[in-house]
Amino acid sequence: MDENEQKIARVVSTAPREKIVDLEFPVEFDGVIYTMVKVRRVTGKEVEDYMEALGRDERPMPPMIECPREVYDAMDDDDRFALDEAVLPFLPRRLKAAAEQSLPAAGLTSGS
């Protein structure tokens, strides 16, 4: 290994860390048609960065959802709700309880 090469830590668990969610209402953006979106577990650093951005009254993209912000914003609410439900098993424990309480009322990630 080159001494200038950066070492990277990674999770090596065999537990599922991601899921593909098919969109009932595909979204076109920048010449690409999105028919599915990946949801995944997040790192502690991603949660920290996301929470800090929320604390600054920013509107960050939820890090557990992998699609452009424009696609997420244009997505049909039923598809966003499906993403919200798919995300729950991948949330860290410290966020899961709050998400499960808010999901039935408003949705975890959609804020609608």
Protein backbone atom coordinates (compact mmCIF):
# COMPACT_ATOMS: atom_id res chain seq x y z
CA MET A 1 0.00 0.00 0.00
CA ASP A 2 1.33 3.43 -0.97
CA GLU A 3 1.90 5.56 2.14
CA ASN A 4 0.02 8.44 0.44
CA GLU A 5 -3.02 6.24 -0.21
CA GLN A 6 -5.89 7.04 2.17
CA LYS A 7 -7.15 4.15 4.29
CA ILE A 8 -10.93 3.76 4.35
CA ALA A 9 -13.00 2.11 7.09
CA ARG A 10 -16.12 0.22 6.01
CA VAL A 11 -18.89 -1.79 7.64
CA VAL A 12 -18.45 -5.54 7.02
CA SER A 13 -21.70 -6.87 8.49
CA THR A 14 -23.65 -9.47 6.56
CA ALA A 15 -26.97 -7.85 7.57
CA PRO A 16 -28.87 -6.21 4.68
CA ARG A 17 -27.85 -2.57 4.26
CA GLU A 18 -29.93 -1.50 1.27
CA LYS A 19 -33.14 -2.09 -0.65
CA ILE A 20 -34.45 -1.07 -4.06
CA VAL A 21 -37.92 0.54 -4.11
CA ASP A 22 -39.82 0.48 -7.39
CA LEU A 23 -41.63 3.71 -8.16
CA GLU A 24 -45.30 3.45 -9.09
CA PHE A 25 -44.99 6.83 -10.83
CA PRO A 26 -41.55 7.10 -12.51
CA VAL A 27 -39.89 10.52 -12.63
CA GLU A 28 -37.85 11.94 -15.52
CA PHE A 29 -34.95 14.26 -14.73
CA ASP A 30 -32.05 15.38 -16.88
CA GLY A 31 -32.76 12.79 -19.56
CA VAL A 32 -32.97 9.87 -17.10
CA ILE A 33 -36.21 8.12 -16.15
CA TYR A 34 -36.14 7.00 -12.51
CA THR A 35 -38.23 3.85 -12.08
CA MET A 36 -36.60 2.78 -8.81
CA VAL A 37 -34.68 4.31 -5.92
CA LYS A 38 -32.21 2.72 -3.52
CA VAL A 39 -32.66 3.22 0.23
CA ARG A 40 -29.83 2.25 2.54
CA ARG A 41 -28.41 2.34 6.04
CA VAL A 42 -26.45 5.45 6.85
CA THR A 43 -23.21 6.01 8.70
CA GLY A 44 -22.97 7.89 11.96
CA LYS A 45 -21.21 10.70 10.10
CA GLU A 46 -24.05 10.95 7.57
CA VAL A 47 -26.60 11.22 10.41
CA GLU A 48 -24.44 13.84 12.13
CA ASP A 49 -24.12 15.92 8.94
CA TYR A 50 -27.85 15.61 8.19
CA MET A 51 -28.88 16.67 11.71
CA GLU A 52 -26.46 19.62 11.65
CA ALA A 53 -27.92 20.79 8.34
CA LEU A 54 -31.45 20.55 9.76
CA GLY A 55 -30.26 22.56 12.76
CA ARG A 56 -29.11 25.30 10.37
CA ASP A 57 -32.66 25.39 8.91
CA GLU A 58 -31.40 23.86 5.68
CA ARG A 59 -33.39 21.29 3.73
CA PRO A 60 -30.83 18.54 3.13
CA MET A 61 -31.51 15.46 1.06
CA PRO A 62 -32.17 12.51 3.39
CA PRO A 63 -28.87 10.58 3.15
CA MET A 64 -30.58 7.18 3.20
CA ILE A 65 -32.32 7.85 -0.11
CA GLU A 66 -30.20 7.71 -3.25
CA CYS A 67 -31.60 9.94 -5.97
CA PRO A 68 -31.16 13.57 -6.99
CA ARG A 69 -33.00 16.14 -4.86
CA GLU A 70 -34.98 17.20 -7.94
CA VAL A 71 -36.30 13.65 -8.40
CA TYR A 72 -37.16 13.36 -4.72
CA ASP A 73 -39.02 16.69 -4.76
CA ALA A 74 -40.97 15.80 -7.94
CA MET A 75 -41.86 12.29 -6.75
CA ASP A 76 -45.50 11.33 -6.29
CA ASP A 77 -46.37 11.33 -2.60
CA ASP A 78 -47.39 7.65 -2.68
CA ASP A 79 -43.88 6.81 -3.88
CA ARG A 80 -42.34 9.01 -1.19
CA PHE A 81 -44.48 7.23 1.39
CA ALA A 82 -43.22 3.88 0.04
CA LEU A 83 -39.65 5.16 0.48
CA ASP A 84 -40.47 6.28 4.03
CA GLU A 85 -41.70 2.78 4.88
CA ALA A 86 -38.72 1.10 3.20
CA VAL A 87 -36.26 3.29 5.10
CA LEU A 88 -37.53 2.32 8.59
CA PRO A 89 -35.60 -0.98 8.90
CA PHE A 90 -32.38 0.80 7.91
CA LEU A 91 -32.58 3.70 10.36
CA PRO A 92 -30.23 3.86 13.34
CA ARG A 93 -31.98 3.02 16.61
CA ARG A 94 -31.71 6.61 17.84
CA LEU A 95 -33.85 7.81 14.91
CA LYS A 96 -36.13 4.81 14.44
CA ALA A 97 -38.54 5.45 17.34
CA ALA A 98 -39.19 9.05 16.27
CA ALA A 99 -39.64 8.01 12.66
CA GLU A 100 -42.12 5.26 13.51
CA GLN A 101 -44.21 7.75 15.48
CA SER A 102 -44.20 10.39 12.74
CA LEU A 103 -44.63 8.08 9.73
CA PRO A 104 -48.36 7.39 10.18
CA ALA A 105 -49.11 11.07 10.70
CA ALA A 106 -46.88 12.79 8.19
CA GLY A 107 -44.15 10.60 6.78
CA LEU A 108 -40.53 10.38 7.84
CA THR A 109 -38.76 11.89 4.88
CA SER A 110 -41.44 13.59 2.82
CA GLY A 111 -42.45 16.12 5.44
CA SER A 112 -45.94 16.28 3.94
